[in-house]
C-alpha cells in the first residue's frame, strides 16, 4: 500500500477521476468509479479488483486498515474535498472514492449452473437512467435475484451514479450483458431462458395482462423491466411468455421502475417463502 498527497490529476492513476463525464472511456478501460463511504467500503470488502482509493486526510485512519487487508498493491491518494470538487465539477458530500475493475463477463450458463433453484432473474430493456439502474440493482440484491441481464440500450450498471445508487450491492449481483451478443442480444437471451424452462414475464401494462397476484412467481422465472417512458419494447415483449401488471387504484397507471421492481420482487420472494414453508410442512 502507498499513500500519496495530491492536489491535481497529473498522476496516471488519477485519470479515471478526471474523466468522470466520459463514461465510455472508463468502460473501454474496464474500470468504474465507486463513490461514497458505504459503497467504497463494500468495494474493498468484495472480490472485485481495486486500483486505488481517493479520500480526504481526515478519513485516512478509517480506510487504511481496509486497504491493507486487500491482496493488491493499492495507492491511497489524499485530496481534500474542495480541491476534488473544483477539478471534477461534481459535488461530493463524503469525498471518498475508489477505482475498481469491471469483472469478467458472466454468461447464462455460468449463472444458472451456480444458482440454486428456483431461479429468479431480472432483465432490463432500454433503461437509460443510471440512477434507475442503480435502484434496480439494489432491489435485485434485496430480494434474492440471482443475476441481472442488461440489453444493449440500457445504461451500464457500472456508471458512477449507477454504482452509487445501488449502494454497492452491484458487487454481489452477477450481471449478464446481452449487449455482448450484439443487437437483439436480449431477445436471444430470453428465448434461450424459455427453452431452458425459465418463464419470462414482462412487467408491462398491456391489455389482457394478468396481475402479480394472479401470477405464479414461485418457480423459475425472469422478470423484464422496460424503458422509463415506453415500457418493454415490442420485440422484447414478443419474446416473453406474457405481460404482468401491478393493480393500482385512482388515476395512477404506472410506477417508477425502482418502485415497480420492489413490488414485483417482494411478491416473488413472498410466494417462494410460502411455497418453501408448505413443502417443509408436507415433508
Protein backbone atom coordinates (compact mmCIF):
# COMPACT_ATOMS: atom_id res chain seq x y z
CA UNK A 1 0.00 0.00 0.00
CA UNK A 2 1.20 3.51 -0.84
CA UNK A 3 -0.05 6.89 0.34
CA UNK A 4 0.34 9.97 -1.84
CA UNK A 5 -0.88 13.51 -1.18
CA UNK A 6 -2.02 15.18 -4.39
CA UNK A 7 -3.57 18.47 -5.49
CA UNK A 8 -4.30 17.61 -9.13
CA UNK A 9 -4.94 14.77 -11.54
CA UNK A 10 -1.44 14.62 -13.02
CA UNK A 11 -0.80 11.06 -11.77
CA UNK A 12 -1.80 8.33 -14.29
CA UNK A 13 -3.77 6.50 -11.59
CA UNK A 14 -6.00 9.55 -11.13
CA UNK A 15 -7.10 9.67 -14.77
CA UNK A 16 -10.46 7.90 -14.08
CA UNK A 17 -11.47 10.69 -11.69
CA UNK A 18 -10.59 13.31 -14.31
CA UNK A 19 -12.82 11.58 -16.88
CA UNK A 20 -15.96 11.03 -14.80
CA UNK A 21 -18.07 12.65 -17.52
CA UNK A 22 -16.56 10.35 -20.16
CA UNK A 23 -18.18 7.06 -19.18
CA UNK A 24 -17.30 5.35 -22.48
CA UNK A 25 -13.61 5.93 -21.87
CA UNK A 26 -13.80 4.36 -18.42
CA UNK A 27 -15.80 1.45 -19.79
CA UNK A 28 -13.25 0.74 -22.52
CA UNK A 29 -10.57 0.65 -19.85
CA UNK A 30 -12.61 -1.86 -17.86
CA UNK A 31 -12.82 0.49 -14.88
CA UNK A 32 -15.51 2.15 -12.79
CA UNK A 33 -15.58 4.74 -10.01
CA UNK A 34 -17.17 3.96 -6.65
CA UNK A 35 -18.35 6.96 -4.66
CA UNK A 36 -19.37 7.30 -1.01
CA UNK A 37 -18.43 5.84 2.34
CA UNK A 38 -20.58 2.69 2.29
CA UNK A 39 -20.02 1.98 -1.42
CA UNK A 40 -16.23 2.18 -1.14
CA UNK A 41 -16.25 0.04 2.00
CA UNK A 42 -18.30 -2.59 0.18
CA UNK A 43 -15.94 -2.48 -2.79
CA UNK A 44 -12.92 -3.02 -0.54
CA UNK A 45 -14.69 -5.96 1.11
CA UNK A 46 -15.65 -7.52 -2.24
CA UNK A 47 -13.92 -9.85 -4.68
CA UNK A 48 -13.71 -7.05 -7.27
CA UNK A 49 -10.30 -5.74 -8.24
CA UNK A 50 -9.40 -2.36 -6.72
CA UNK A 51 -6.94 0.04 -8.38
CA UNK A 52 -6.76 2.95 -5.93
CA UNK A 53 -8.65 4.98 -3.33
CA UNK A 54 -9.07 8.76 -3.13
CA UNK A 55 -10.11 10.45 0.11
CA UNK A 56 -9.50 13.45 2.39
CA UNK A 57 -6.83 13.31 5.09
CA UNK A 58 -9.39 13.09 7.90
CA UNK A 59 -10.74 9.76 6.54
CA UNK A 60 -7.36 8.04 6.15
CA UNK A 61 -7.34 6.32 9.55
CA UNK A 62 -10.74 4.71 8.83
CA UNK A 63 -9.88 3.28 5.43
CA UNK A 64 -6.19 2.42 5.77
CA UNK A 65 -6.86 -0.94 7.55
CA UNK A 66 -9.42 -1.90 4.86
CA UNK A 67 -6.92 -1.17 2.10
CA UNK A 68 -4.10 -3.02 3.86
CA UNK A 69 -6.34 -6.11 4.05
CA UNK A 70 -6.59 -6.23 0.26
CA UNK A 71 -4.32 -8.56 -1.76
CA UNK A 72 -3.37 -5.85 -4.30
CA UNK A 73 -0.78 -3.13 -4.02
CA UNK A 74 -3.19 -0.18 -3.76
CA UNK A 75 -2.37 3.51 -3.70
CA UNK A 76 -4.35 5.82 -1.43
CA UNK A 77 -4.44 9.32 -2.82
CA UNK A 78 -5.08 12.11 -0.30
CA UNK A 79 -7.02 15.06 -1.69
CA UNK A 80 -9.31 17.46 0.12
CA UNK A 81 -12.96 17.59 -0.97
CA UNK A 82 -12.80 21.22 -2.05
CA UNK A 83 -9.96 20.50 -4.45
CA UNK A 84 -11.68 17.38 -5.77
CA UNK A 85 -14.94 19.23 -6.47
CA UNK A 86 -13.06 22.04 -8.21
CA UNK A 87 -11.30 19.58 -10.52
CA UNK A 88 -14.29 17.36 -11.35
CA UNK A 89 -17.14 19.87 -11.27
CA UNK A 90 -19.17 17.46 -9.11
CA UNK A 91 -20.27 17.99 -5.50
CA UNK A 92 -19.05 15.20 -3.18
CA UNK A 93 -20.57 15.08 0.29
CA UNK A 94 -18.18 12.49 1.71
CA UNK A 95 -15.26 12.83 -0.70
CA UNK A 96 -14.44 9.10 -0.57
CA UNK A 97 -13.92 7.46 -3.96
CA UNK A 98 -12.18 4.43 -5.43
CA UNK A 99 -11.41 2.98 -8.83
CA UNK A 100 -12.49 -0.63 -9.31
CA UNK A 101 -12.19 -3.14 -12.13
CA UNK A 102 -15.28 -4.28 -14.01
CA UNK A 103 -15.46 -8.07 -13.51
CA UNK A 104 -15.32 -10.69 -16.21
CA UNK A 105 -18.44 -11.17 -18.31
CA UNK A 106 -20.96 -13.62 -16.86
CA UNK A 107 -22.93 -15.99 -19.06
CA UNK A 108 -26.33 -17.61 -18.69
CA UNK A 109 -24.60 -20.98 -18.45
CA UNK A 110 -22.32 -19.92 -15.58
CA UNK A 111 -25.09 -18.16 -13.65
CA UNK A 112 -27.68 -20.92 -13.96
CA UNK A 113 -25.13 -23.59 -13.10
CA UNK A 114 -24.09 -21.79 -9.91
CA UNK A 115 -27.51 -20.57 -8.72
CA UNK A 116 -29.90 -22.78 -6.74
CA UNK A 117 -33.41 -23.38 -7.99
CA UNK A 118 -35.96 -21.99 -8.29
CA UNK A 119 -34.18 -19.40 -10.41
CA UNK A 120 -35.09 -15.73 -10.14
CA UNK A 121 -33.60 -13.41 -12.76
CA UNK A 122 -34.28 -9.84 -13.85
CA UNK A 123 -33.75 -8.25 -17.26
CA UNK A 124 -33.70 -4.59 -18.24
CA UNK A 125 -34.88 -3.39 -21.64
CA UNK A 126 -33.89 0.17 -22.56
CA UNK A 127 -33.45 1.61 -19.06
CA UNK A 128 -31.44 4.72 -19.88
CA UNK A 129 -31.27 6.43 -16.49
CA UNK A 130 -28.19 5.47 -14.45
CA UNK A 131 -29.93 6.15 -11.13
CA UNK A 132 -32.79 3.83 -12.11
CA UNK A 133 -30.37 1.04 -12.98
CA UNK A 134 -28.74 1.50 -9.57
CA UNK A 135 -32.15 1.25 -7.87
CA UNK A 136 -32.98 -1.86 -9.89
CA UNK A 137 -29.70 -3.49 -8.82
CA UNK A 138 -30.40 -2.64 -5.17
CA UNK A 139 -33.87 -4.19 -5.36
CA UNK A 140 -32.45 -7.29 -7.04
CA UNK A 141 -29.94 -7.73 -4.23
CA UNK A 142 -32.60 -7.12 -1.57
CA UNK A 143 -34.95 -9.83 -2.83
CA UNK A 144 -32.57 -12.60 -3.83
CA UNK A 145 -32.31 -12.13 -7.60
CA UNK A 146 -29.55 -14.34 -8.97
CA UNK A 147 -28.50 -12.23 -11.98
CA UNK A 148 -29.38 -9.10 -13.94
CA UNK A 149 -29.50 -9.20 -17.75
CA UNK A 150 -28.95 -5.82 -19.42
CA UNK A 151 -29.61 -5.12 -23.08
CA UNK A 152 -27.54 -3.01 -25.46
CA UNK A 153 -29.67 0.13 -24.87
CA UNK A 154 -29.58 0.00 -21.06
CA UNK A 155 -27.24 2.27 -19.09
CA UNK A 156 -24.28 0.39 -17.63
CA UNK A 157 -24.68 -0.78 -14.01
CA UNK A 158 -21.04 0.32 -13.59
CA UNK A 159 -21.59 4.03 -14.25
CA UNK A 160 -20.65 6.13 -11.21
CA UNK A 161 -24.26 7.09 -10.50
CA UNK A 162 -25.46 3.51 -11.01
CA UNK A 163 -22.90 2.13 -8.56
CA UNK A 164 -23.71 4.90 -6.07
CA UNK A 165 -27.49 4.32 -6.24
CA UNK A 166 -27.00 0.56 -5.88
CA UNK A 167 -25.23 1.32 -2.57
CA UNK A 168 -22.52 -1.11 -3.62
CA UNK A 169 -24.89 -4.07 -3.99
CA UNK A 170 -23.66 -4.34 -7.60
CA UNK A 171 -20.57 -6.04 -6.12
CA UNK A 172 -22.73 -9.03 -5.14
CA UNK A 173 -25.04 -9.29 -8.17
CA UNK A 174 -23.87 -11.10 -11.33
CA UNK A 175 -24.53 -9.05 -14.47
CA UNK A 176 -25.09 -10.67 -17.87
CA UNK A 177 -24.56 -8.20 -20.69
CA UNK A 178 -26.79 -9.18 -23.58
CA UNK A 179 -25.09 -6.31 -25.42
CA UNK A 180 -22.04 -8.55 -25.87
CA UNK A 181 -24.15 -10.67 -28.23
CA UNK A 182 -24.84 -7.64 -30.44
CA UNK A 183 -28.13 -6.05 -31.44
CA UNK A 184 -31.10 -8.10 -30.31
CA UNK A 185 -29.00 -9.91 -27.74
CA UNK A 186 -31.64 -9.62 -25.03
CA UNK A 187 -34.28 -11.26 -27.21
CA UNK A 188 -31.91 -14.17 -27.86
CA UNK A 189 -31.11 -14.46 -24.15
CA UNK A 190 -34.79 -14.50 -23.19
CA UNK A 191 -35.54 -17.06 -25.90
CA UNK A 192 -32.77 -19.27 -24.50
CA UNK A 193 -34.17 -18.92 -20.98
CA UNK A 194 -37.60 -20.05 -22.15
CA UNK A 195 -36.00 -23.02 -23.90
CA UNK A 196 -34.45 -23.97 -20.55
CA UNK A 197 -37.83 -23.89 -18.83
CA UNK A 198 -37.50 -20.43 -17.26
CA UNK A 199 -40.73 -18.44 -17.59
CA UNK A 200 -40.13 -14.90 -18.87
CA UNK A 201 -42.56 -12.26 -17.59
CA UNK A 202 -42.75 -8.66 -18.80
CA UNK A 203 -43.59 -6.10 -16.11
CA UNK A 204 -45.75 -4.19 -18.54
CA UNK A 205 -49.17 -2.56 -18.66
CA UNK A 206 -50.91 -4.38 -21.50
CA UNK A 207 -54.48 -5.24 -22.43
CA UNK A 208 -55.35 -8.65 -21.05
CA UNK A 209 -52.33 -8.74 -18.78
CA UNK A 210 -52.54 -10.63 -15.51
CA UNK A 211 -51.82 -9.02 -12.15
CA UNK A 212 -48.94 -10.08 -9.93
CA UNK A 213 -51.46 -11.62 -7.51
CA UNK A 214 -52.74 -13.88 -10.30
CA UNK A 215 -49.26 -14.91 -11.43
CA UNK A 216 -47.15 -17.75 -10.04
CA UNK A 217 -43.68 -16.33 -9.37
CA UNK A 218 -42.54 -19.21 -7.20
CA UNK A 219 -40.91 -21.28 -9.96
CA UNK A 220 -38.03 -20.46 -12.34
CA UNK A 221 -38.74 -17.05 -13.82
CA UNK A 222 -37.20 -13.89 -15.24
CA UNK A 223 -38.96 -10.53 -14.85
CA UNK A 224 -38.30 -7.92 -17.56
CA UNK A 225 -38.48 -4.20 -16.75
CA UNK A 226 -38.71 -1.73 -19.63
CA UNK A 227 -37.88 1.83 -20.57
CA UNK A 228 -38.87 4.63 -18.19
CA UNK A 229 -41.27 6.15 -20.72
CA UNK A 230 -42.43 3.47 -23.15
CA UNK A 231 -42.07 0.30 -21.09
CA UNK A 232 -41.00 -3.04 -22.55
CA UNK A 233 -40.32 -2.82 -26.30
CA UNK A 234 -42.50 -4.72 -28.77
CA UNK A 235 -39.75 -7.13 -29.83
CA UNK A 236 -38.83 -7.98 -26.23
CA UNK A 237 -42.50 -8.29 -25.25
CA UNK A 238 -42.95 -10.79 -28.08
CA UNK A 239 -40.10 -12.87 -26.63
CA UNK A 240 -41.83 -13.10 -23.23
CA UNK A 241 -44.42 -15.60 -22.03
CA UNK A 242 -46.76 -12.75 -21.17
CA UNK A 243 -47.26 -9.37 -19.52
CA UNK A 244 -47.99 -8.92 -15.82
CA UNK A 245 -49.05 -5.70 -14.11
CA UNK A 246 -49.35 -4.21 -10.65
CA UNK A 247 -53.00 -3.42 -9.82
CA UNK A 248 -53.38 0.23 -8.85
CA UNK A 249 -56.26 2.46 -7.90
CA UNK A 250 -57.11 6.01 -8.90
CA UNK A 251 -55.55 7.83 -11.83
CA UNK A 252 -52.09 6.28 -11.44
CA UNK A 253 -51.30 3.70 -14.12
CA UNK A 254 -47.56 3.21 -13.62
CA UNK A 255 -44.74 3.41 -11.09
CA UNK A 256 -41.09 4.39 -11.23
CA UNK A 257 -39.08 1.33 -12.26
CA UNK A 258 -37.44 1.16 -8.84
CA UNK A 259 -40.83 1.06 -7.10
CA UNK A 260 -42.25 -1.41 -9.62
CA UNK A 261 -39.26 -3.72 -9.21
CA UNK A 262 -39.62 -3.61 -5.42
CA UNK A 263 -43.28 -4.67 -5.67
CA UNK A 264 -42.65 -7.46 -8.19
CA UNK A 265 -39.62 -8.88 -6.43
CA UNK A 266 -41.20 -8.69 -2.97
CA UNK A 267 -44.17 -10.64 -4.31
CA UNK A 268 -41.83 -13.23 -5.84
CA UNK A 269 -39.96 -13.57 -2.53
CA UNK A 270 -43.24 -13.81 -0.60
CA UNK A 271 -44.57 -16.58 -2.84
CA UNK A 272 -41.30 -18.51 -2.63
CA UNK A 273 -41.23 -18.34 1.16
CA UNK A 274 -44.81 -19.56 1.30
CA UNK A 275 -44.11 -22.44 -1.08
CA UNK A 276 -41.00 -23.43 0.87
CA UNK A 277 -42.90 -23.46 4.20
CA UNK A 278 -45.67 -25.57 2.64
CA UNK A 279 -43.19 -28.09 1.24
CA UNK A 280 -41.44 -28.40 4.63
CA UNK A 281 -44.75 -28.91 6.39
CA UNK A 282 -45.73 -31.65 3.93
CA UNK A 283 -42.43 -33.43 4.47
